[in-house]
Amino acid sequence: QVKVEESGGGLVQAGGSLRLSCAVSGFSSRIYFVDWYRQAPGKERELVASILNGDRTEYTEDVKGRFTISGGSAKNTWYLQMNSLRPEDTAVYYCKPTRLKFGQGTQVTVSS
């Protein structure tokens, strides 16, 4: 059974950091492309960061310089390092590996 599992969320003060993890299990093919999305209350899910082949990365303008996506298919684990967090970063964060479904998400709450 294929499983996509996000973890690492929590409550942090503005200016703090969190590191999210995305672990994929039960999938034997190589995963080349992984996205991180987030969905804030009352808003649509939005793309935050992407990584291709473990090294080529892209970010939405709002998180550039603050978030770093990393990881690869060697361990089927990907990360989203989030620094200088702001209250507007509060959302449920989801991992989306190519060809697989979204995981359950992990809640990130940033207090002011």
Protein backbone atom coordinates (compact mmCIF):
# COMPACT_ATOMS: atom_id res chain seq x y z
CA GLN A 1 0.00 0.00 0.00
CA VAL A 2 1.41 3.37 -1.05
CA LYS A 3 1.59 5.88 1.75
CA VAL A 4 2.51 9.56 1.73
CA GLU A 5 3.00 10.91 5.22
CA GLU A 6 3.83 14.46 6.26
CA SER A 7 5.15 15.32 9.71
CA GLY A 8 6.95 18.05 11.60
CA GLY A 9 4.25 20.64 11.94
CA GLY A 10 3.43 22.44 15.14
CA LEU A 11 2.98 25.74 16.90
CA VAL A 12 5.80 28.27 16.63
CA GLN A 13 6.22 31.97 17.28
CA ALA A 14 6.73 34.41 14.45
CA GLY A 15 10.36 34.40 13.39
CA GLY A 16 10.79 30.77 14.36
CA SER A 17 11.56 27.70 12.27
CA LEU A 18 10.09 24.31 11.51
CA ARG A 19 11.24 21.43 9.36
CA LEU A 20 8.55 19.40 7.64
CA SER A 21 9.13 15.89 6.38
CA CYS A 22 7.40 13.89 3.67
CA ALA A 23 7.96 10.15 3.67
CA VAL A 24 6.76 7.87 0.89
CA SER A 25 6.48 4.15 1.46
CA GLY A 26 5.19 1.21 -0.54
CA PHE A 27 6.10 2.77 -3.90
CA SER A 28 8.86 1.08 -5.86
CA SER A 29 9.29 3.48 -8.79
CA ARG A 30 11.63 6.42 -8.64
CA ILE A 31 9.99 9.74 -7.74
CA TYR A 32 11.45 12.61 -9.74
CA PHE A 33 9.22 15.50 -8.77
CA VAL A 34 7.75 16.56 -5.44
CA ASP A 35 5.66 19.60 -4.55
CA TRP A 36 4.79 21.09 -1.19
CA TYR A 37 1.41 22.80 -0.99
CA ARG A 38 -0.39 24.60 1.80
CA GLN A 39 -3.98 25.46 2.54
CA ALA A 40 -4.94 28.17 4.97
CA PRO A 41 -8.43 28.33 6.51
CA GLY A 42 -10.96 29.60 3.98
CA LYS A 43 -8.42 29.66 1.16
CA GLU A 44 -7.55 27.43 -1.76
CA ARG A 45 -4.61 25.10 -1.67
CA GLU A 46 -1.53 26.80 -3.09
CA LEU A 47 1.80 25.56 -4.37
CA VAL A 48 4.70 26.57 -2.13
CA ALA A 49 7.79 24.78 -3.40
CA SER A 50 8.89 22.12 -5.89
CA ILE A 51 11.93 19.95 -6.36
CA LEU A 52 12.99 18.03 -9.46
CA ASN A 53 15.52 15.22 -9.40
CA GLY A 54 16.62 16.19 -5.93
CA ASP A 55 18.37 19.40 -6.94
CA ARG A 56 16.33 21.74 -9.15
CA THR A 57 14.04 23.81 -6.95
CA GLU A 58 11.34 26.44 -7.36
CA TYR A 59 9.46 28.55 -4.83
CA THR A 60 6.47 30.80 -4.76
CA GLU A 61 7.54 34.40 -4.36
CA ASP A 62 6.14 34.67 -0.85
CA VAL A 63 8.53 32.06 0.60
CA LYS A 64 11.68 32.69 -1.41
CA GLY A 65 14.67 33.14 0.87
CA ARG A 66 12.80 31.70 3.84
CA PHE A 67 11.88 28.14 2.81
CA THR A 68 14.14 25.42 1.43
CA ILE A 69 12.95 22.22 -0.19
CA SER A 70 15.28 19.22 -0.23
CA GLY A 71 15.40 15.45 -0.33
CA GLY A 72 15.27 12.78 -2.96
CA SER A 73 14.32 9.30 -4.03
CA ALA A 74 17.33 7.66 -2.38
CA LYS A 75 15.41 7.62 0.88
CA ASN A 76 12.01 8.55 -0.54
CA THR A 77 11.93 11.41 1.92
CA TRP A 78 11.63 15.11 1.24
CA TYR A 79 11.82 18.11 3.51
CA LEU A 80 10.63 21.67 3.74
CA GLN A 81 12.81 23.80 6.00
CA MET A 82 10.85 26.89 6.99
CA ASN A 83 12.64 29.82 8.58
CA SER A 84 11.52 33.32 9.56
CA LEU A 85 7.97 32.09 9.84
CA ARG A 86 5.13 34.59 9.73
CA PRO A 87 1.55 34.33 10.99
CA GLU A 88 0.38 34.25 7.37
CA ASP A 89 2.31 30.99 6.89
CA THR A 90 -0.27 29.31 9.12
CA ALA A 91 -1.83 26.48 7.10
CA VAL A 92 -2.00 22.75 6.62
CA TYR A 93 1.02 21.73 4.58
CA TYR A 94 0.81 18.86 2.10
CA CYS A 95 3.36 16.89 0.18
CA LYS A 96 2.53 15.83 -3.40
CA PRO A 97 4.94 13.43 -5.08
CA THR A 98 4.36 13.01 -8.80
CA ARG A 99 1.81 10.32 -9.68
CA LEU A 100 0.78 9.94 -6.04
CA LYS A 101 -2.03 11.44 -4.00
CA PHE A 102 -1.69 14.11 -1.35
CA GLY A 103 -0.90 12.97 2.17
CA GLN A 104 -3.04 13.90 5.16
CA GLY A 105 -1.07 17.06 5.76
CA THR A 106 0.59 18.56 8.81
CA GLN A 107 -0.67 21.66 10.61
CA VAL A 108 1.65 24.65 10.95
CA THR A 109 0.52 27.45 13.23
CA VAL A 110 2.56 30.62 13.60
CA SER A 111 1.62 32.94 16.45
CA SER A 112 2.32 36.66 16.39
